[in-house]
Amino acid sequence: MLTENQKKYLITIYFLGQNGESVRTTDISSFLHVAKPSTVNMVKKLIDEGLIYKEPYKEIRLTQKGISEANGLFTSCVILQDYFTSRAGLSQDKAKAAGMILSAGLDKDSLDKIVCYALSQC
């Protein structure tokens, strides 16, 4: 089971690497507003989990396992972000942060229920 921080990094890598783009640790650090050493440590943990791979001095890419895990988290994040901007009136930045916090911090069942509510399907 992934920690909240691991999920945040995974969502970020997925977001930054859309369309097959590779991602650098500096890109992740900048996006999450964290120090580069923190990102380097988390990258090592995600490699150990088999979610990403990185050759020395190269960019980061998601593995198939990482893509699968990140896809569900990212989808929820985007749905919540849209809900927070269109119906709750939050700014894009606040909505993005709230979507990521909820997607990374909640267990799957709770997240699914909130996403269902945001989609007005519950």
PDB file of N, CA and C in Angstrom:
ATOM      1  N   MET A   1       0.841  -1.185   0.000  1.00  0.00           N
ATOM      2  CA  MET A   1       0.000   0.000   0.000  1.00  0.00           C
ATOM      3  C   MET A   1       0.884   1.246   0.000  1.00  0.00           C
ATOM      4  N   LEU A   2       0.567   2.168  -0.854  1.00  0.00           N
ATOM      5  CA  LEU A   2       1.352   3.387  -0.985  1.00  0.00           C
ATOM      6  C   LEU A   2       1.000   4.402   0.090  1.00  0.00           C
ATOM      7  N   THR A   3       2.002   5.169   0.492  1.00  0.00           N
ATOM      8  CA  THR A   3       1.769   6.244   1.444  1.00  0.00           C
ATOM      9  C   THR A   3       1.174   7.447   0.713  1.00  0.00           C
ATOM     10  N   GLU A   4       0.698   8.400   1.473  1.00  0.00           N
ATOM     11  CA  GLU A   4       0.133   9.611   0.881  1.00  0.00           C
ATOM     12  C   GLU A   4       1.181  10.335   0.033  1.00  0.00           C
ATOM     13  N   ASN A   5       2.399  10.463   0.540  1.00  0.00           N
ATOM     14  CA  ASN A   5       3.451  11.138  -0.224  1.00  0.00           C
ATOM     15  C   ASN A   5       3.806  10.379  -1.494  1.00  0.00           C
ATOM     16  N   GLN A   6       3.863   9.057  -1.424  1.00  0.00           N
ATOM     17  CA  GLN A   6       4.153   8.278  -2.623  1.00  0.00           C
ATOM     18  C   GLN A   6       3.076   8.514  -3.675  1.00  0.00           C
ATOM     19  N   LYS A   7       1.832   8.588  -3.249  1.00  0.00           N
ATOM     20  CA  LYS A   7       0.738   8.843  -4.181  1.00  0.00           C
ATOM     21  C   LYS A   7       0.863  10.229  -4.816  1.00  0.00           C
ATOM     22  N   LYS A   8       1.226  11.233  -4.017  1.00  0.00           N
ATOM     23  CA  LYS A   8       1.401  12.591  -4.553  1.00  0.00           C
ATOM     24  C   LYS A   8       2.473  12.615  -5.637  1.00  0.00           C
ATOM     25  N   TYR A   9       3.578  11.964  -5.351  1.00  0.00           N
ATOM     26  CA  TYR A   9       4.655  11.927  -6.339  1.00  0.00           C
ATOM     27  C   TYR A   9       4.228  11.156  -7.582  1.00  0.00           C
ATOM     28  N   LEU A  10       3.516  10.068  -7.390  1.00  0.00           N
ATOM     29  CA  LEU A  10       3.073   9.267  -8.529  1.00  0.00           C
ATOM     30  C   LEU A  10       2.103  10.060  -9.407  1.00  0.00           C
ATOM     31  N   ILE A  11       1.163  10.762  -8.787  1.00  0.00           N
ATOM     32  CA  ILE A  11       0.230  11.609  -9.542  1.00  0.00           C
ATOM     33  C   ILE A  11       1.008  12.681 -10.307  1.00  0.00           C
ATOM     34  N   THR A  12       1.978  13.278  -9.660  1.00  0.00           N
ATOM     35  CA  THR A  12       2.776  14.331 -10.288  1.00  0.00           C
ATOM     36  C   THR A  12       3.560  13.802 -11.482  1.00  0.00           C
ATOM     37  N   ILE A  13       4.188  12.654 -11.319  1.00  0.00           N
ATOM     38  CA  ILE A  13       4.947  12.061 -12.430  1.00  0.00           C
ATOM     39  C   ILE A  13       4.005  11.740 -13.582  1.00  0.00           C
ATOM     40  N   TYR A  14       2.839  11.211 -13.256  1.00  0.00           N
ATOM     41  CA  TYR A  14       1.846  10.897 -14.289  1.00  0.00           C
ATOM     42  C   TYR A  14       1.435  12.167 -15.032  1.00  0.00           C
ATOM     43  N   PHE A  15       1.129  13.215 -14.273  1.00  0.00           N
ATOM     44  CA  PHE A  15       0.699  14.487 -14.853  1.00  0.00           C
ATOM     45  C   PHE A  15       1.794  15.081 -15.735  1.00  0.00           C
ATOM     46  N   LEU A  16       3.003  15.145 -15.215  1.00  0.00           N
ATOM     47  CA  LEU A  16       4.103  15.753 -15.964  1.00  0.00           C
ATOM     48  C   LEU A  16       4.525  14.908 -17.161  1.00  0.00           C
ATOM     49  N   GLY A  17       4.283  13.598 -17.080  1.00  0.00           N
ATOM     50  CA  GLY A  17       4.709  12.710 -18.150  1.00  0.00           C
ATOM     51  C   GLY A  17       3.623  12.343 -19.138  1.00  0.00           C
ATOM     52  N   GLN A  18       2.540  13.102 -19.136  1.00  0.00           N
ATOM     53  CA  GLN A  18       1.468  12.807 -20.079  1.00  0.00           C
ATOM     54  C   GLN A  18       2.003  12.818 -21.509  1.00  0.00           C
ATOM     55  N   ASN A  19       1.352  12.057 -22.336  1.00  0.00           N
ATOM     56  CA  ASN A  19       1.738  11.934 -23.748  1.00  0.00           C
ATOM     57  C   ASN A  19       3.128  11.329 -23.925  1.00  0.00           C
ATOM     58  N   GLY A  20       3.534  10.509 -22.964  1.00  0.00           N
ATOM     59  CA  GLY A  20       4.804   9.808 -23.088  1.00  0.00           C
ATOM     60  C   GLY A  20       6.027  10.643 -22.797  1.00  0.00           C
ATOM     61  N   GLU A  21       5.839  11.834 -22.268  1.00  0.00           N
ATOM     62  CA  GLU A  21       6.969  12.701 -21.949  1.00  0.00           C
ATOM     63  C   GLU A  21       7.744  12.128 -20.761  1.00  0.00           C
ATOM     64  N   SER A  22       9.034  12.330 -20.764  1.00  0.00           N
ATOM     65  CA  SER A  22       9.841  11.921 -19.624  1.00  0.00           C
ATOM     66  C   SER A  22       9.860  13.058 -18.605  1.00  0.00           C
ATOM     67  N   VAL A  23      10.210  12.718 -17.384  1.00  0.00           N
ATOM     68  CA  VAL A  23      10.125  13.675 -16.288  1.00  0.00           C
ATOM     69  C   VAL A  23      11.466  13.718 -15.555  1.00  0.00           C
ATOM     70  N   ARG A  24      11.890  14.917 -15.187  1.00  0.00           N
ATOM     71  CA  ARG A  24      13.130  15.085 -14.420  1.00  0.00           C
ATOM     72  C   ARG A  24      12.801  15.332 -12.954  1.00  0.00           C
ATOM     73  N   THR A  25      13.736  14.998 -12.080  1.00  0.00           N
ATOM     74  CA  THR A  25      13.506  15.218 -10.647  1.00  0.00           C
ATOM     75  C   THR A  25      13.283  16.698 -10.354  1.00  0.00           C
ATOM     76  N   THR A  26      13.949  17.571 -11.090  1.00  0.00           N
ATOM     77  CA  THR A  26      13.753  19.005 -10.863  1.00  0.00           C
ATOM     78  C   THR A  26      12.336  19.436 -11.234  1.00  0.00           C
ATOM     79  N   ASP A  27      11.748  18.810 -12.257  1.00  0.00           N
ATOM     80  CA  ASP A  27      10.362  19.105 -12.633  1.00  0.00           C
ATOM     81  C   ASP A  27       9.415  18.739 -11.495  1.00  0.00           C
ATOM     82  N   ILE A  28       9.650  17.576 -10.906  1.00  0.00           N
ATOM     83  CA  ILE A  28       8.798  17.099  -9.803  1.00  0.00           C
ATOM     84  C   ILE A  28       8.947  18.021  -8.598  1.00  0.00           C
ATOM     85  N   SER A  29      10.184  18.335  -8.238  1.00  0.00           N
ATOM     86  CA  SER A  29      10.442  19.212  -7.093  1.00  0.00           C
ATOM     87  C   SER A  29       9.746  20.554  -7.265  1.00  0.00           C
ATOM     88  N   SER A  30       9.851  21.105  -8.447  1.00  0.00           N
ATOM     89  CA  SER A  30       9.239  22.397  -8.736  1.00  0.00           C
ATOM     90  C   SER A  30       7.714  22.322  -8.649  1.00  0.00           C
ATOM     91  N   PHE A  31       7.137  21.281  -9.225  1.00  0.00           N
ATOM     92  CA  PHE A  31       5.685  21.131  -9.236  1.00  0.00           C
ATOM     93  C   PHE A  31       5.127  20.976  -7.821  1.00  0.00           C
ATOM     94  N   LEU A  32       5.815  20.188  -6.994  1.00  0.00           N
ATOM     95  CA  LEU A  32       5.340  19.924  -5.630  1.00  0.00           C
ATOM     96  C   LEU A  32       5.858  20.922  -4.599  1.00  0.00           C
ATOM     97  N   HIS A  33       6.723  21.843  -5.043  1.00  0.00           N
ATOM     98  CA  HIS A  33       7.326  22.835  -4.144  1.00  0.00           C
ATOM     99  C   HIS A  33       8.057  22.156  -2.985  1.00  0.00           C
ATOM    100  N   VAL A  34       8.896  21.182  -3.330  1.00  0.00           N
ATOM    101  CA  VAL A  34       9.713  20.489  -2.339  1.00  0.00           C
ATOM    102  C   VAL A  34      11.176  20.559  -2.764  1.00  0.00           C
ATOM    103  N   ALA A  35      12.055  20.275  -1.819  1.00  0.00           N
ATOM    104  CA  ALA A  35      13.488  20.287  -2.101  1.00  0.00           C
ATOM    105  C   ALA A  35      13.867  19.097  -2.976  1.00  0.00           C
ATOM    106  N   LYS A  36      14.864  19.297  -3.819  1.00  0.00           N
ATOM    107  CA  LYS A  36      15.290  18.225  -4.718  1.00  0.00           C
ATOM    108  C   LYS A  36      15.734  16.967  -3.956  1.00  0.00           C
ATOM    109  N   PRO A  37      16.447  17.065  -2.823  1.00  0.00           N
ATOM    110  CA  PRO A  37      16.808  15.845  -2.096  1.00  0.00           C
ATOM    111  C   PRO A  37      15.588  15.030  -1.648  1.00  0.00           C
ATOM    112  N   SER A  38      14.499  15.697  -1.314  1.00  0.00           N
ATOM    113  CA  SER A  38      13.264  14.983  -0.957  1.00  0.00           C
ATOM    114  C   SER A  38      12.744  14.195  -2.146  1.00  0.00           C
ATOM    115  N   THR A  39      12.806  14.813  -3.314  1.00  0.00           N
ATOM    116  CA  THR A  39      12.357  14.149  -4.531  1.00  0.00           C
ATOM    117  C   THR A  39      13.246  12.959  -4.866  1.00  0.00           C
ATOM    118  N   VAL A  40      14.548  13.133  -4.717  1.00  0.00           N
ATOM    119  CA  VAL A  40      15.482  12.038  -4.994  1.00  0.00           C
ATOM    120  C   VAL A  40      15.191  10.847  -4.086  1.00  0.00           C
ATOM    121  N   ASN A  41      14.935  11.111  -2.806  1.00  0.00           N
ATOM    122  CA  ASN A  41      14.611  10.023  -1.865  1.00  0.00           C
ATOM    123  C   ASN A  41      13.320   9.316  -2.247  1.00  0.00           C
ATOM    124  N   MET A  42      12.312  10.084  -2.638  1.00  0.00           N
ATOM    125  CA  MET A  42      11.037   9.477  -3.005  1.00  0.00           C
ATOM    126  C   MET A  42      11.158   8.700  -4.307  1.00  0.00           C
ATOM    127  N   VAL A  43      11.945   9.195  -5.235  1.00  0.00           N
ATOM    128  CA  VAL A  43      12.165   8.476  -6.486  1.00  0.00           C
ATOM    129  C   VAL A  43      12.748   7.097  -6.189  1.00  0.00           C
ATOM    130  N   LYS A  44      13.687   7.039  -5.280  1.00  0.00           N
ATOM    131  CA  LYS A  44      14.280   5.753  -4.893  1.00  0.00           C
ATOM    132  C   LYS A  44      13.212   4.807  -4.343  1.00  0.00           C
ATOM    133  N   LYS A  45      12.321   5.329  -3.520  1.00  0.00           N
ATOM    134  CA  LYS A  45      11.254   4.500  -2.945  1.00  0.00           C
ATOM    135  C   LYS A  45      10.297   4.001  -4.028  1.00  0.00           C
ATOM    136  N   LEU A  46       9.962   4.867  -4.977  1.00  0.00           N
ATOM    137  CA  LEU A  46       9.051   4.470  -6.054  1.00  0.00           C
ATOM    138  C   LEU A  46       9.705   3.454  -6.991  1.00  0.00           C
ATOM    139  N   ILE A  47      11.016   3.555  -7.164  1.00  0.00           N
ATOM    140  CA  ILE A  47      11.744   2.552  -7.947  1.00  0.00           C
ATOM    141  C   ILE A  47      11.674   1.212  -7.218  1.00  0.00           C
ATOM    142  N   ASP A  48      11.889   1.233  -5.897  1.00  0.00           N
ATOM    143  CA  ASP A  48      11.831   0.007  -5.095  1.00  0.00           C
ATOM    144  C   ASP A  48      10.452  -0.645  -5.145  1.00  0.00           C
ATOM    145  N   GLU A  49       9.419   0.169  -5.294  1.00  0.00           N
ATOM    146  CA  GLU A  49       8.042  -0.337  -5.377  1.00  0.00           C
ATOM    147  C   GLU A  49       7.711  -0.843  -6.787  1.00  0.00           C
ATOM    148  N   GLY A  50       8.611  -0.610  -7.735  1.00  0.00           N
ATOM    149  CA  GLY A  50       8.381  -1.042  -9.107  1.00  0.00           C
ATOM    150  C   GLY A  50       7.418  -0.152  -9.880  1.00  0.00           C
ATOM    151  N   LEU A  51       7.248   1.092  -9.427  1.00  0.00           N
ATOM    152  CA  LEU A  51       6.295   2.008 -10.051  1.00  0.00           C
ATOM    153  C   LEU A  51       6.930   2.908 -11.109  1.00  0.00           C
ATOM    154  N   ILE A  52       8.226   3.149 -10.975  1.00  0.00           N
ATOM    155  CA  ILE A  52       8.936   3.969 -11.941  1.00  0.00           C
ATOM    156  C   ILE A  52      10.296   3.337 -12.222  1.00  0.00           C
ATOM    157  N   TYR A  53      10.922   3.792 -13.292  1.00  0.00           N
ATOM    158  CA  TYR A  53      12.307   3.415 -13.523  1.00  0.00           C
ATOM    159  C   TYR A  53      13.076   4.650 -13.956  1.00  0.00           C
ATOM    160  N   LYS A  54      14.351   4.630 -13.658  1.00  0.00           N
ATOM    161  CA  LYS A  54      15.212   5.764 -13.980  1.00  0.00           C
ATOM    162  C   LYS A  54      16.624   5.249 -14.151  1.00  0.00           C
ATOM    163  N   GLU A  55      17.171   5.515 -15.308  1.00  0.00           N
ATOM    164  CA  GLU A  55      18.577   5.208 -15.531  1.00  0.00           C
ATOM    165  C   GLU A  55      19.398   6.369 -14.963  1.00  0.00           C
ATOM    166  N   PRO A  56      20.634   6.106 -14.536  1.00  0.00           N
ATOM    167  CA  PRO A  56      21.452   7.195 -13.984  1.00  0.00           C
ATOM    168  C   PRO A  56      21.539   8.384 -14.940  1.00  0.00           C
ATOM    169  N   TYR A  57      21.297   9.557 -14.396  1.00  0.00           N
ATOM    170  CA  TYR A  57      21.366  10.827 -15.133  1.00  0.00           C
ATOM    171  C   TYR A  57      20.357  10.899 -16.276  1.00  0.00           C
ATOM    172  N   LYS A  58      19.304  10.150 -16.182  1.00  0.00           N
ATOM    173  CA  LYS A  58      18.255  10.166 -17.209  1.00  0.00           C
ATOM    174  C   LYS A  58      16.930  10.568 -16.561  1.00  0.00           C
ATOM    175  N   GLU A  59      15.904  10.678 -17.393  1.00  0.00           N
ATOM    176  CA  GLU A  59      14.588  11.057 -16.923  1.00  0.00           C
ATOM    177  C   GLU A  59      13.857   9.870 -16.300  1.00  0.00           C
ATOM    178  N   ILE A  60      12.778  10.194 -15.609  1.00  0.00           N
ATOM    179  CA  ILE A  60      11.947   9.212 -14.918  1.00  0.00           C
ATOM    180  C   ILE A  60      10.779   8.823 -15.813  1.00  0.00           C
ATOM    181  N   ARG A  61      10.467   7.558 -15.821  1.00  0.00           N
ATOM    182  CA  ARG A  61       9.300   7.070 -16.561  1.00  0.00           C
ATOM    183  C   ARG A  61       8.543   6.097 -15.678  1.00  0.00           C
ATOM    184  N   LEU A  62       7.240   6.058 -15.858  1.00  0.00           N
ATOM    185  CA  LEU A  62       6.401   5.112 -15.126  1.00  0.00           C
ATOM    186  C   LEU A  62       6.523   3.712 -15.733  1.00  0.00           C
ATOM    187  N   THR A  63       6.485   2.715 -14.872  1.00  0.00           N
ATOM    188  CA  THR A  63       6.384   1.337 -15.346  1.00  0.00           C
ATOM    189  C   THR A  63       4.914   1.063 -15.641  1.00  0.00           C
ATOM    190  N   GLN A  64       4.601  -0.101 -16.184  1.00  0.00           N
ATOM    191  CA  GLN A  64       3.191  -0.459 -16.416  1.00  0.00           C
ATOM    192  C   GLN A  64       2.426  -0.453 -15.095  1.00  0.00           C
ATOM    193  N   LYS A  65       3.044  -0.980 -14.058  1.00  0.00           N
ATOM    194  CA  LYS A  65       2.420  -0.983 -12.726  1.00  0.00           C
ATOM    195  C   LYS A  65       2.184   0.458 -12.258  1.00  0.00           C
ATOM    196  N   GLY A  66       3.163   1.332 -12.493  1.00  0.00           N
ATOM    197  CA  GLY A  66       3.037   2.731 -12.105  1.00  0.00           C
ATOM    198  C   GLY A  66       1.951   3.445 -12.878  1.00  0.00           C
ATOM    199  N   ILE A  67       1.850   3.160 -14.166  1.00  0.00           N
ATOM    200  CA  ILE A  67       0.803   3.766 -14.998  1.00  0.00           C
ATOM    201  C   ILE A  67      -0.574   3.352 -14.490  1.00  0.00           C
ATOM    202  N   SER A  68      -0.725   2.077 -14.210  1.00  0.00           N
ATOM    203  CA  SER A  68      -2.005   1.566 -13.731  1.00  0.00           C
ATOM    204  C   SER A  68      -2.400   2.223 -12.411  1.00  0.00           C
ATOM    205  N   GLU A  69      -1.467   2.284 -11.483  1.00  0.00           N
ATOM    206  CA  GLU A  69      -1.731   2.880 -10.169  1.00  0.00           C
ATOM    207  C   GLU A  69      -2.017   4.375 -10.294  1.00  0.00           C
ATOM    208  N   ALA A  70      -1.210   5.064 -11.071  1.00  0.00           N
ATOM    209  CA  ALA A  70      -1.346   6.514 -11.206  1.00  0.00           C
ATOM    210  C   ALA A  70      -2.602   6.909 -11.959  1.00  0.00           C
ATOM    211  N   ASN A  71      -3.011   6.106 -12.924  1.00  0.00           N
ATOM    212  CA  ASN A  71      -4.184   6.435 -13.725  1.00  0.00           C
ATOM    213  C   ASN A  71      -5.421   6.618 -12.856  1.00  0.00           C
ATOM    214  N   GLY A  72      -5.654   5.684 -11.952  1.00  0.00           N
ATOM    215  CA  GLY A  72      -6.813   5.794 -11.066  1.00  0.00           C
ATOM    216  C   GLY A  72      -6.735   7.012 -10.167  1.00  0.00           C
ATOM    217  N   LEU A  73      -5.563   7.263  -9.623  1.00  0.00           N
ATOM    218  CA  LEU A  73      -5.376   8.430  -8.758  1.00  0.00           C
ATOM    219  C   LEU A  73      -5.552   9.725  -9.539  1.00  0.00           C
ATOM    220  N   PHE A  74      -4.987   9.782 -10.729  1.00  0.00           N
ATOM    221  CA  PHE A  74      -5.041  10.993 -11.529  1.00  0.00           C
ATOM    222  C   PHE A  74      -6.466  11.289 -11.994  1.00  0.00           C
ATOM    223  N   THR A  75      -7.181  10.250 -12.391  1.00  0.00           N
ATOM    224  CA  THR A  75      -8.565  10.440 -12.836  1.00  0.00           C
ATOM    225  C   THR A  75      -9.401  11.058 -11.722  1.00  0.00           C
ATOM    226  N   SER A  76      -9.273  10.515 -10.527  1.00  0.00           N
ATOM    227  CA  SER A  76     -10.001  11.073  -9.377  1.00  0.00           C
ATOM    228  C   SER A  76      -9.583  12.512  -9.119  1.00  0.00           C
ATOM    229  N   CYS A  77      -8.306  12.764  -9.218  1.00  0.00           N
ATOM    230  CA  CYS A  77      -7.771  14.107  -8.995  1.00  0.00           C
ATOM    231  C   CYS A  77      -8.384  15.110  -9.972  1.00  0.00           C
ATOM    232  N   VAL A  78      -8.469  14.744 -11.234  1.00  0.00           N
ATOM    233  CA  VAL A  78      -9.014  15.634 -12.262  1.00  0.00           C
ATOM    234  C   VAL A  78     -10.515  15.867 -12.044  1.00  0.00           C
ATOM    235  N   ILE A  79     -11.239  14.817 -11.710  1.00  0.00           N
ATOM    236  CA  ILE A  79     -12.683  14.957 -11.452  1.00  0.00           C
ATOM    237  C   ILE A  79     -12.924  15.893 -10.280  1.00  0.00           C
ATOM    238  N   LEU A  80     -12.160  15.707  -9.215  1.00  0.00           N
ATOM    239  CA  LEU A  80     -12.322  16.570  -8.048  1.00  0.00           C
ATOM    240  C   LEU A  80     -11.893  18.002  -8.343  1.00  0.00           C
ATOM    241  N   GLN A  81     -10.830  18.155  -9.097  1.00  0.00           N
ATOM    242  CA  GLN A  81     -10.379  19.493  -9.473  1.00  0.00           C
ATOM    243  C   GLN A  81     -11.468  20.224 -10.258  1.00  0.00           C
ATOM    244  N   ASP A  82     -12.094  19.533 -11.191  1.00  0.00           N
ATOM    245  CA  ASP A  82     -13.179  20.133 -11.968  1.00  0.00           C
ATOM    246  C   ASP A  82     -14.350  20.507 -11.066  1.00  0.00           C
ATOM    247  N   TYR A  83     -14.683  19.618 -10.151  1.00  0.00           N
ATOM    248  CA  TYR A  83     -15.783  19.892  -9.217  1.00  0.00           C
ATOM    249  C   TYR A  83     -15.471  21.138  -8.388  1.00  0.00           C
ATOM    250  N   PHE A  84     -14.263  21.214  -7.868  1.00  0.00           N
ATOM    251  CA  PHE A  84     -13.903  22.332  -7.004  1.00  0.00           C
ATOM    252  C   PHE A  84     -13.873  23.663  -7.743  1.00  0.00           C
ATOM    253  N   THR A  85     -13.534  23.654  -9.012  1.00  0.00           N
ATOM    254  CA  THR A  85     -13.528  24.915  -9.762  1.00  0.00           C
ATOM    255  C   THR A  85     -14.925  25.271 -10.266  1.00  0.00           C
ATOM    256  N   SER A  86     -15.631  24.304 -10.832  1.00  0.00           N
ATOM    257  CA  SER A  86     -16.914  24.624 -11.462  1.00  0.00           C
ATOM    258  C   SER A  86     -18.063  24.764 -10.478  1.00  0.00           C
ATOM    259  N   ARG A  87     -18.066  23.975  -9.422  1.00  0.00           N
ATOM    260  CA  ARG A  87     -19.214  24.019  -8.515  1.00  0.00           C
ATOM    261  C   ARG A  87     -18.909  24.608  -7.150  1.00  0.00           C
ATOM    262  N   ALA A  88     -17.662  24.539  -6.718  1.00  0.00           N
ATOM    263  CA  ALA A  88     -17.327  25.083  -5.397  1.00  0.00           C
ATOM    264  C   ALA A  88     -16.658  26.450  -5.501  1.00  0.00           C
ATOM    265  N   GLY A  89     -16.283  26.856  -6.715  1.00  0.00           N
ATOM    266  CA  GLY A  89     -15.744  28.195  -6.927  1.00  0.00           C
ATOM    267  C   GLY A  89     -14.297  28.396  -6.507  1.00  0.00           C
ATOM    268  N   LEU A  90     -13.532  27.328  -6.350  1.00  0.00           N
ATOM    269  CA  LEU A  90     -12.122  27.478  -5.996  1.00  0.00           C
ATOM    270  C   LEU A  90     -11.304  27.881  -7.220  1.00  0.00           C
ATOM    271  N   SER A  91     -10.197  28.548  -6.973  1.00  0.00           N
ATOM    272  CA  SER A  91      -9.272  28.879  -8.072  1.00  0.00           C
ATOM    273  C   SER A  91      -8.648  27.591  -8.598  1.00  0.00           C
ATOM    274  N   GLN A  92      -8.093  27.654  -9.795  1.00  0.00           N
ATOM    275  CA  GLN A  92      -7.448  26.475 -10.398  1.00  0.00           C
ATOM    276  C   GLN A  92      -6.359  25.915  -9.493  1.00  0.00           C
ATOM    277  N   ASP A  93      -5.529  26.791  -8.933  1.00  0.00           N
ATOM    278  CA  ASP A  93      -4.428  26.336  -8.084  1.00  0.00           C
ATOM    279  C   ASP A  93      -4.935  25.648  -6.820  1.00  0.00           C
ATOM    280  N   LYS A  94      -5.935  26.250  -6.176  1.00  0.00           N
ATOM    281  CA  LYS A  94      -6.480  25.648  -4.957  1.00  0.00           C
ATOM    282  C   LYS A  94      -7.211  24.349  -5.269  1.00  0.00           C
ATOM    283  N   ALA A  95      -7.909  24.321  -6.384  1.00  0.00           N
ATOM    284  CA  ALA A  95      -8.629  23.111  -6.785  1.00  0.00           C
ATOM    285  C   ALA A  95      -7.660  21.983  -7.104  1.00  0.00           C
ATOM    286  N   LYS A  96      -6.557  22.307  -7.772  1.00  0.00           N
ATOM    287  CA  LYS A  96      -5.542  21.303  -8.099  1.00  0.00           C
ATOM    288  C   LYS A  96      -4.945  20.731  -6.813  1.00  0.00           C
ATOM    289  N   ALA A  97      -4.624  21.610  -5.879  1.00  0.00           N
ATOM    290  CA  ALA A  97      -4.044  21.165  -4.608  1.00  0.00           C
ATOM    291  C   ALA A  97      -5.038  20.305  -3.825  1.00  0.00           C
ATOM    292  N   ALA A  98      -6.291  20.736  -3.772  1.00  0.00           N
ATOM    293  CA  ALA A  98      -7.308  19.977  -3.032  1.00  0.00           C
ATOM    294  C   ALA A  98      -7.558  18.617  -3.670  1.00  0.00           C
ATOM    295  N   GLY A  99      -7.613  18.581  -4.994  1.00  0.00           N
ATOM    296  CA  GLY A  99      -7.806  17.312  -5.699  1.00  0.00           C
ATOM    297  C   GLY A  99      -6.677  16.341  -5.426  1.00  0.00           C
ATOM    298  N   MET A 100      -5.458  16.860  -5.419  1.00  0.00           N
ATOM    299  CA  MET A 100      -4.308  15.993  -5.171  1.00  0.00           C
ATOM    300  C   MET A 100      -4.287  15.515  -3.724  1.00  0.00           C
ATOM    301  N   ILE A 101      -4.577  16.400  -2.796  1.00  0.00           N
ATOM    302  CA  ILE A 101      -4.577  16.022  -1.379  1.00  0.00           C
ATOM    303  C   ILE A 101      -5.600  14.926  -1.120  1.00  0.00           C
ATOM    304  N   LEU A 102      -6.795  15.087  -1.650  1.00  0.00           N
ATOM    305  CA  LEU A 102      -7.832  14.073  -1.439  1.00  0.00           C
ATOM    306  C   LEU A 102      -7.504  12.768  -2.157  1.00  0.00           C
ATOM    307  N   SER A 103      -7.047  12.861  -3.380  1.00  0.00           N
ATOM    308  CA  SER A 103      -6.723  11.654  -4.138  1.00  0.00           C
ATOM    309  C   SER A 103      -5.593  10.868  -3.495  1.00  0.00           C
ATOM    310  N   ALA A 104      -4.641  11.571  -2.922  1.00  0.00           N
ATOM    311  CA  ALA A 104      -3.492  10.910  -2.297  1.00  0.00           C
ATOM    312  C   ALA A 104      -3.775  10.486  -0.859  1.00  0.00           C
ATOM    313  N   GLY A 105      -4.638  11.224  -0.179  1.00  0.00           N
ATOM    314  CA  GLY A 105      -4.809  10.998   1.254  1.00  0.00           C
ATOM    315  C   GLY A 105      -5.914  10.059   1.678  1.00  0.00           C
ATOM    316  N   LEU A 106      -6.882   9.848   0.811  1.00  0.00           N
ATOM    317  CA  LEU A 106      -8.022   9.018   1.192  1.00  0.00           C
ATOM    318  C   LEU A 106      -7.851   7.564   0.762  1.00  0.00           C
ATOM    319  N   ASP A 107      -8.500   6.677   1.486  1.00  0.00           N
ATOM    320  CA  ASP A 107      -8.528   5.286   1.055  1.00  0.00           C
ATOM    321  C   ASP A 107      -9.425   5.182  -0.176  1.00  0.00           C
ATOM    322  N   LYS A 108      -9.283   4.106  -0.923  1.00  0.00           N
ATOM    323  CA  LYS A 108      -9.978   3.946  -2.200  1.00  0.00           C
ATOM    324  C   LYS A 108     -11.493   4.052  -2.068  1.00  0.00           C
ATOM    325  N   ASP A 109     -12.057   3.412  -1.055  1.00  0.00           N
ATOM    326  CA  ASP A 109     -13.509   3.434  -0.889  1.00  0.00           C
ATOM    327  C   ASP A 109     -14.029   4.850  -0.646  1.00  0.00           C
ATOM    328  N   SER A 110     -13.375   5.576   0.239  1.00  0.00           N
ATOM    329  CA  SER A 110     -13.798   6.954   0.528  1.00  0.00           C
ATOM    330  C   SER A 110     -13.634   7.841  -0.702  1.00  0.00           C
ATOM    331  N   LEU A 111     -12.509   7.683  -1.389  1.00  0.00           N
ATOM    332  CA  LEU A 111     -12.269   8.477  -2.592  1.00  0.00           C
ATOM    333  C   LEU A 111     -13.322   8.182  -3.656  1.00  0.00           C
ATOM    334  N   ASP A 112     -13.637   6.920  -3.860  1.00  0.00           N
ATOM    335  CA  ASP A 112     -14.656   6.545  -4.843  1.00  0.00           C
ATOM    336  C   ASP A 112     -16.008   7.182  -4.515  1.00  0.00           C
ATOM    337  N   LYS A 113     -16.367   7.222  -3.237  1.00  0.00           N
ATOM    338  CA  LYS A 113     -17.650   7.814  -2.837  1.00  0.00           C
ATOM    339  C   LYS A 113     -17.678   9.316  -3.074  1.00  0.00           C
ATOM    340  N   ILE A 114     -16.576   9.990  -2.797  1.00  0.00           N
ATOM    341  CA  ILE A 114     -16.510  11.435  -3.015  1.00  0.00           C
ATOM    342  C   ILE A 114     -16.528  11.757  -4.511  1.00  0.00           C
ATOM    343  N   VAL A 115     -15.807  10.982  -5.292  1.00  0.00           N
ATOM    344  CA  VAL A 115     -15.815  11.181  -6.751  1.00  0.00           C
ATOM    345  C   VAL A 115     -17.219  10.935  -7.298  1.00  0.00           C
ATOM    346  N   CYS A 116     -17.882   9.911  -6.808  1.00  0.00           N
ATOM    347  CA  CYS A 116     -19.261   9.616  -7.238  1.00  0.00           C
ATOM    348  C   CYS A 116     -20.154  10.816  -6.920  1.00  0.00           C
ATOM    349  N   TYR A 117     -20.010  11.391  -5.755  1.00  0.00           N
ATOM    350  CA  TYR A 117     -20.791  12.563  -5.374  1.00  0.00           C
ATOM    351  C   TYR A 117     -20.469  13.742  -6.299  1.00  0.00           C
ATOM    352  N   ALA A 118     -19.187  13.955  -6.559  1.00  0.00           N
ATOM    353  CA  ALA A 118     -18.781  15.065  -7.426  1.00  0.00           C
ATOM    354  C   ALA A 118     -19.359  14.917  -8.835  1.00  0.00           C
ATOM    355  N   LEU A 119     -19.504  13.680  -9.271  1.00  0.00           N
ATOM    356  CA  LEU A 119     -20.091  13.415 -10.584  1.00  0.00           C
ATOM    357  C   LEU A 119     -21.615  13.413 -10.536  1.00  0.00           C
ATOM    358  N   SER A 120     -22.172  13.633  -9.350  1.00  0.00           N
ATOM    359  CA  SER A 120     -23.627  13.631  -9.122  1.00  0.00           C
ATOM    360  C   SER A 120     -24.278  12.320  -9.535  1.00  0.00           C
ATOM    361  N   GLN A 121     -23.568  11.225  -9.247  1.00  0.00           N
ATOM    362  CA  GLN A 121     -24.086   9.906  -9.598  1.00  0.00           C
ATOM    363  C   GLN A 121     -24.420   9.069  -8.369  1.00  0.00           C
ATOM    364  N   CYS A 122     -24.470   9.692  -7.213  1.00  0.00           N
ATOM    365  CA  CYS A 122     -24.789   8.941  -5.991  1.00  0.00           C
ATOM    366  C   CYS A 122     -26.080   9.435  -5.381  1.00  0.00           C
TER     367      CYS A 122
END
